[in-house]
Amino acid sequence: MQLTDEIKASLKREYILCSNAITFYKKVIKEFEQKYHLTTQTFLKRFEAGKMGDEADYFDWHAFATLLYHWRKTQSAIRSTVP
């Protein structure tokens, strides 16, 4: 499939949107890591095992980590599509 210039331009805009979202979520996640002295990887293992409690921050942290994962996946897909 050949991409038209309009599609390429749209995908490039989406790529920038992804980059901005990734920057935002990385910043927020870093703040949680500093606040709770845990890496996100350690937090996710404990949270998903039910060992972290029910604080609202924990649910936000989990959601932000999930969103970051999906934004990165989307950005990667766009990167592999647009030359």
Protein backbone atom coordinates (compact mmCIF):
# COMPACT_ATOMS: atom_id res chain seq x y z
CA MET A 1 0.00 0.00 0.00
CA GLN A 2 1.34 3.38 -0.96
CA LEU A 3 0.86 6.22 1.50
CA THR A 4 -0.37 9.52 0.12
CA ASP A 5 1.23 12.75 1.25
CA GLU A 6 -1.90 13.54 3.29
CA ILE A 7 -1.73 10.22 5.11
CA LYS A 8 1.99 10.69 5.79
CA ALA A 9 1.33 14.17 7.17
CA SER A 10 -1.46 12.85 9.40
CA LEU A 11 0.72 10.04 10.71
CA LYS A 12 3.54 12.49 11.43
CA ARG A 13 1.11 14.62 13.46
CA GLU A 14 0.01 11.49 15.32
CA TYR A 15 3.65 10.66 15.96
CA ILE A 16 4.16 14.09 17.54
CA LEU A 17 1.02 13.58 19.63
CA CYS A 18 2.42 10.25 20.81
CA SER A 19 5.75 11.85 21.66
CA ASN A 20 4.03 14.52 23.74
CA ALA A 21 1.90 11.95 25.57
CA ILE A 22 4.95 9.78 26.24
CA THR A 23 6.86 12.76 27.65
CA PHE A 24 3.93 13.64 29.92
CA TYR A 25 3.40 10.10 31.25
CA LYS A 26 7.12 9.54 31.79
CA LYS A 27 7.26 12.73 33.88
CA VAL A 28 4.23 11.81 36.00
CA ILE A 29 5.46 8.25 36.49
CA LYS A 30 8.88 9.50 37.57
CA GLU A 31 7.17 11.63 40.23
CA PHE A 32 5.38 8.53 41.58
CA GLU A 33 8.65 6.58 41.58
CA GLN A 34 10.33 9.32 43.59
CA LYS A 35 7.41 9.73 45.96
CA TYR A 36 7.11 6.02 46.76
CA HIS A 37 10.79 5.03 46.27
CA LEU A 38 9.85 2.24 43.85
CA THR A 39 10.48 1.59 40.20
CA THR A 40 7.36 1.29 38.11
CA GLN A 41 8.24 -2.32 37.31
CA THR A 42 8.40 -3.20 41.03
CA PHE A 43 5.25 -1.21 41.73
CA LEU A 44 3.29 -2.97 38.97
CA LYS A 45 4.31 -6.42 40.22
CA ARG A 46 3.23 -5.56 43.78
CA PHE A 47 0.07 -3.74 42.71
CA GLU A 48 -1.10 -6.51 40.41
CA ALA A 49 -0.41 -9.04 43.18
CA GLY A 50 -2.66 -7.03 45.52
CA LYS A 51 0.19 -6.00 47.83
CA MET A 52 0.00 -2.21 47.50
CA GLY A 53 -3.32 -1.22 49.01
CA ASP A 54 -6.09 0.95 47.60
CA GLU A 55 -4.64 4.47 47.53
CA ALA A 56 -5.88 6.58 44.64
CA ASP A 57 -2.25 7.31 43.66
CA TYR A 58 -1.69 3.61 43.04
CA PHE A 59 -4.61 3.37 40.65
CA ASP A 60 -3.42 6.51 38.85
CA TRP A 61 0.13 5.16 38.65
CA HIS A 62 -1.13 1.88 37.23
CA ALA A 63 -3.30 3.70 34.68
CA PHE A 64 -0.46 6.01 33.63
CA ALA A 65 1.94 3.08 33.21
CA THR A 66 -0.65 1.29 31.06
CA LEU A 67 -1.25 4.41 28.97
CA LEU A 68 2.50 4.93 28.53
CA TYR A 69 2.82 1.37 27.27
CA HIS A 70 0.02 1.90 24.72
CA TRP A 71 1.35 5.28 23.53
CA ARG A 72 4.79 3.73 23.00
CA LYS A 73 3.24 0.84 21.08
CA THR A 74 1.31 3.28 18.88
CA GLN A 75 4.41 5.39 18.28
CA SER A 76 6.37 2.31 17.30
CA ALA A 77 3.67 1.27 14.83
CA ILE A 78 3.69 4.72 13.26
CA ARG A 79 7.49 4.75 13.11
CA SER A 80 7.49 1.46 11.23
CA THR A 81 4.85 2.73 8.78
CA VAL A 82 6.14 6.17 7.88
CA PRO A 83 9.57 6.33 6.23
